[in-house]
Amino acid sequence: MEEASCAFHGALDNHLLPDVVTYAILIRGYCKAGRPTKAMQLYNSMLRNGIMPDGLLLSTLAGYNLQSSGSQESCT
């Protein structure tokens, strides 16, 4: 995930705009890596950049179980 994140941020630094597919791949990767908080941060960044989620990304996000205490997070 670190290499993917570096490539993503490098593209942003070079003024290359990611699309919803790029975001979805990274978000799903963070979920599989057990890092749903990072996935949600990236999702929120995507929304701030005006990119709307597609059905596949929404399905990925529907797999989240975020407890209000923040003590347990999971992603399928």
C-alpha atoms as a PDB file:
ATOM      1  CA  MET A   1       0.000   0.000   0.000  1.00  0.00           C
ATOM      2  CA  GLU A   2       2.866   2.345   0.662  1.00  0.00           C
ATOM      3  CA  GLU A   3       4.108   2.124  -2.925  1.00  0.00           C
ATOM      4  CA  ALA A   4       0.603   2.713  -4.270  1.00  0.00           C
ATOM      5  CA  SER A   5       0.141   5.670  -1.944  1.00  0.00           C
ATOM      6  CA  CYS A   6       3.477   7.172  -3.027  1.00  0.00           C
ATOM      7  CA  ALA A   7       2.565   6.757  -6.693  1.00  0.00           C
ATOM      8  CA  PHE A   8      -0.847   8.338  -6.062  1.00  0.00           C
ATOM      9  CA  HIS A   9       0.622  11.347  -4.260  1.00  0.00           C
ATOM     10  CA  GLY A  10       3.355  11.667  -6.873  1.00  0.00           C
ATOM     11  CA  ALA A  11       0.688  11.893  -9.557  1.00  0.00           C
ATOM     12  CA  LEU A  12      -1.105  14.579  -7.556  1.00  0.00           C
ATOM     13  CA  ASP A  13       2.157  16.494  -7.147  1.00  0.00           C
ATOM     14  CA  ASN A  14       2.511  16.447 -10.940  1.00  0.00           C
ATOM     15  CA  HIS A  15      -1.018  17.846 -11.334  1.00  0.00           C
ATOM     16  CA  LEU A  16      -2.443  14.562 -12.637  1.00  0.00           C
ATOM     17  CA  LEU A  17      -6.014  14.164 -11.470  1.00  0.00           C
ATOM     18  CA  PRO A  18      -7.094  10.686 -10.388  1.00  0.00           C
ATOM     19  CA  ASP A  19     -10.490   9.368 -11.417  1.00  0.00           C
ATOM     20  CA  VAL A  20     -13.010   7.351  -9.440  1.00  0.00           C
ATOM     21  CA  VAL A  21     -11.363   4.076 -10.518  1.00  0.00           C
ATOM     22  CA  THR A  22      -8.001   5.186  -9.113  1.00  0.00           C
ATOM     23  CA  TYR A  23      -9.587   6.201  -5.824  1.00  0.00           C
ATOM     24  CA  ALA A  24     -11.640   2.988  -5.639  1.00  0.00           C
ATOM     25  CA  ILE A  25      -8.568   0.801  -6.121  1.00  0.00           C
ATOM     26  CA  LEU A  26      -6.681   2.576  -3.347  1.00  0.00           C
ATOM     27  CA  ILE A  27      -9.663   2.617  -1.000  1.00  0.00           C
ATOM     28  CA  ARG A  28     -10.232  -1.103  -1.508  1.00  0.00           C
ATOM     29  CA  GLY A  29      -6.523  -1.714  -0.944  1.00  0.00           C
ATOM     30  CA  TYR A  30      -6.617   0.127   2.368  1.00  0.00           C
ATOM     31  CA  CYS A  31      -9.641  -1.955   3.373  1.00  0.00           C
ATOM     32  CA  LYS A  32      -7.867  -5.208   2.538  1.00  0.00           C
ATOM     33  CA  ALA A  33      -4.785  -3.991   4.420  1.00  0.00           C
ATOM     34  CA  GLY A  34      -6.904  -3.471   7.543  1.00  0.00           C
ATOM     35  CA  ARG A  35      -6.730   0.318   7.361  1.00  0.00           C
ATOM     36  CA  PRO A  36     -10.361   1.470   7.002  1.00  0.00           C
ATOM     37  CA  THR A  37      -9.678   4.833   8.639  1.00  0.00           C
ATOM     38  CA  LYS A  38      -7.151   5.621   5.901  1.00  0.00           C
ATOM     39  CA  ALA A  39      -9.674   4.397   3.323  1.00  0.00           C
ATOM     40  CA  MET A  40     -12.310   6.800   4.650  1.00  0.00           C
ATOM     41  CA  GLN A  41      -9.821   9.685   4.675  1.00  0.00           C
ATOM     42  CA  LEU A  42      -9.088   9.007   1.018  1.00  0.00           C
ATOM     43  CA  TYR A  43     -12.813   8.758   0.260  1.00  0.00           C
ATOM     44  CA  ASN A  44     -13.434  12.123   1.906  1.00  0.00           C
ATOM     45  CA  SER A  45     -10.564  13.611  -0.082  1.00  0.00           C
ATOM     46  CA  MET A  46     -12.117  12.250  -3.255  1.00  0.00           C
ATOM     47  CA  LEU A  47     -15.420  13.941  -2.438  1.00  0.00           C
ATOM     48  CA  ARG A  48     -13.669  17.238  -1.636  1.00  0.00           C
ATOM     49  CA  ASN A  49     -12.049  17.030  -5.073  1.00  0.00           C
ATOM     50  CA  GLY A  50     -15.478  16.764  -6.682  1.00  0.00           C
ATOM     51  CA  ILE A  51     -15.250  13.116  -7.700  1.00  0.00           C
ATOM     52  CA  MET A  52     -18.439  11.155  -7.127  1.00  0.00           C
ATOM     53  CA  PRO A  53     -18.322   7.466  -6.158  1.00  0.00           C
ATOM     54  CA  ASP A  54     -19.535   4.790  -8.545  1.00  0.00           C
ATOM     55  CA  GLY A  55     -21.496   1.659  -7.661  1.00  0.00           C
ATOM     56  CA  LEU A  56     -18.405  -0.455  -7.091  1.00  0.00           C
ATOM     57  CA  LEU A  57     -16.915   2.027  -4.648  1.00  0.00           C
ATOM     58  CA  LEU A  58     -20.226   2.374  -2.824  1.00  0.00           C
ATOM     59  CA  SER A  59     -20.350  -1.424  -2.493  1.00  0.00           C
ATOM     60  CA  THR A  60     -16.865  -1.375  -1.013  1.00  0.00           C
ATOM     61  CA  LEU A  61     -17.850   1.297   1.465  1.00  0.00           C
ATOM     62  CA  ALA A  62     -20.989  -0.634   2.394  1.00  0.00           C
ATOM     63  CA  GLY A  63     -18.640  -3.319   3.742  1.00  0.00           C
ATOM     64  CA  TYR A  64     -17.498  -1.021   6.545  1.00  0.00           C
ATOM     65  CA  ASN A  65     -18.517  -1.650  10.136  1.00  0.00           C
ATOM     66  CA  LEU A  66     -17.433   1.432  12.045  1.00  0.00           C
ATOM     67  CA  GLN A  67     -18.365   1.409  15.690  1.00  0.00           C
ATOM     68  CA  SER A  68     -19.008   4.754  17.341  1.00  0.00           C
ATOM     69  CA  SER A  69     -16.326   4.054  19.936  1.00  0.00           C
ATOM     70  CA  GLY A  70     -13.746   3.770  17.192  1.00  0.00           C
ATOM     71  CA  SER A  71     -12.304   0.739  18.934  1.00  0.00           C
ATOM     72  CA  GLN A  72     -13.147  -1.699  16.178  1.00  0.00           C
ATOM     73  CA  GLU A  73     -13.152  -1.141  12.442  1.00  0.00           C
ATOM     74  CA  SER A  74     -13.414  -3.647   9.667  1.00  0.00           C
ATOM     75  CA  CYS A  75     -13.862  -3.711   5.943  1.00  0.00           C
ATOM     76  CA  THR A  76     -14.831  -6.623   3.750  1.00  0.00           C
END
